[in-house]
Protein backbone atom coordinates (compact mmCIF):
# COMPACT_ATOMS: atom_id res chain seq x y z
CA MET A 1 -15.79 107.72 -64.93
CA SER A 2 -15.89 108.34 -68.87
CA VAL A 3 -16.83 106.96 -71.80
CA ILE A 4 -15.00 107.33 -74.95
CA VAL A 5 -16.12 106.19 -78.44
CA ARG A 6 -13.60 104.10 -80.65
CA LEU A 7 -14.92 104.81 -83.91
CA LYS A 8 -11.66 106.52 -85.59
CA GLU A 9 -9.88 103.02 -84.70
CA LEU A 10 -13.18 100.83 -86.45
CA ARG A 11 -13.44 103.27 -89.25
CA SER A 12 -10.08 103.05 -89.82
CA ARG A 13 -9.50 99.32 -89.52
CA ARG A 14 -12.20 99.39 -92.37
CA GLU A 15 -10.47 101.76 -94.41
CA MET A 16 -13.76 103.98 -94.49
CA SER A 17 -13.62 107.79 -94.31
CA GLN A 18 -15.93 109.84 -92.38
CA ASN A 19 -17.45 111.24 -95.94
CA GLU A 20 -18.46 107.38 -96.18
CA LEU A 21 -19.56 106.51 -92.98
CA ALA A 22 -21.59 109.69 -92.72
CA ARG A 23 -23.48 108.68 -96.07
CA ARG A 24 -24.14 105.02 -95.05
CA LEU A 25 -25.70 106.45 -91.68
CA GLU A 26 -27.71 108.73 -93.62
CA MET A 27 -25.67 111.64 -91.11
CA SER A 28 -24.10 114.53 -91.17
CA LEU A 29 -20.37 114.78 -91.51
CA ALA A 30 -20.31 116.93 -88.77
CA ASN A 31 -22.56 114.70 -86.39
CA VAL A 32 -20.17 111.96 -87.34
CA GLN A 33 -17.24 114.04 -86.37
CA LYS A 34 -18.78 115.01 -82.99
CA ILE A 35 -19.16 111.14 -82.34
CA GLU A 36 -15.74 110.50 -83.37
CA TYR A 37 -13.99 113.21 -81.31
CA ASN A 38 -16.15 112.41 -78.52
CA LYS A 39 -18.01 115.73 -78.65
CA ALA A 40 -21.33 113.74 -78.78
CA LYS A 41 -23.11 114.53 -75.28
CA SER A 42 -25.37 111.56 -76.44
CA ILE A 43 -25.61 108.87 -78.96
CA PRO A 44 -29.19 107.68 -80.11
CA LEU A 45 -29.28 103.88 -79.28
CA ASN A 46 -30.13 103.51 -83.53
CA THR A 47 -27.51 105.08 -84.13
CA LEU A 48 -25.14 102.54 -82.36
CA ASP A 49 -27.23 99.94 -84.15
CA ARG A 50 -26.53 101.47 -87.50
CA LEU A 51 -22.90 101.93 -86.35
CA CYS A 52 -22.16 98.58 -85.33
CA GLU A 53 -24.07 97.05 -88.10
CA ILE A 54 -21.59 99.27 -90.74
CA LEU A 55 -18.84 98.77 -88.91
CA GLU A 56 -19.28 94.87 -88.17
CA CYS A 57 -19.02 95.27 -84.62
CA GLU A 58 -20.42 95.18 -81.34
CA VAL A 59 -21.49 98.10 -78.69
CA GLY A 60 -18.64 97.05 -76.55
CA ASP A 61 -16.16 97.38 -79.57
CA LEU A 62 -17.06 100.91 -79.82
CA LEU A 63 -17.90 102.04 -76.49
CA VAL A 64 -14.98 102.19 -73.69
CA ARG A 65 -15.29 102.85 -70.20
CA VAL A 66 -12.41 104.28 -68.72
CA PRO A 67 -12.17 105.03 -64.78
CA ASP A 68 -11.52 108.79 -63.91
CA MET A 69 -7.99 109.28 -62.35
CA LYS A 70 -7.70 110.22 -58.61
CA PRO A 71 -5.32 113.29 -58.04
CA ASP A 72 -2.60 110.85 -56.80
CA GLY A 73 -2.87 109.22 -60.11
CA ASP A 74 -4.71 106.12 -58.90
CA ALA A 75 -7.65 104.84 -61.04
CA GLY A 76 -10.75 103.64 -59.12
CA GLU A 77 -11.95 103.85 -55.88
CA ALA A 78 -10.11 103.49 -52.78
CA ALA A 79 -10.40 100.17 -50.40
């Protein structure tokens, strides 16, 4: 299972640059980019809360669980 961050989609819908988001989060541009490009190992809950506040969304809009693909191309567990 993987969790992806849909930050770019949500940020783009609001026509907000990475620089603007970083400024509003009081976070470095490099850290915003790590989150946006799914390179962050973890995201503190207070950062998730601020992201949702700024982007006017819910955590479930920002984080999406993606099942791993099996070698034969099927997702999920065997029955």
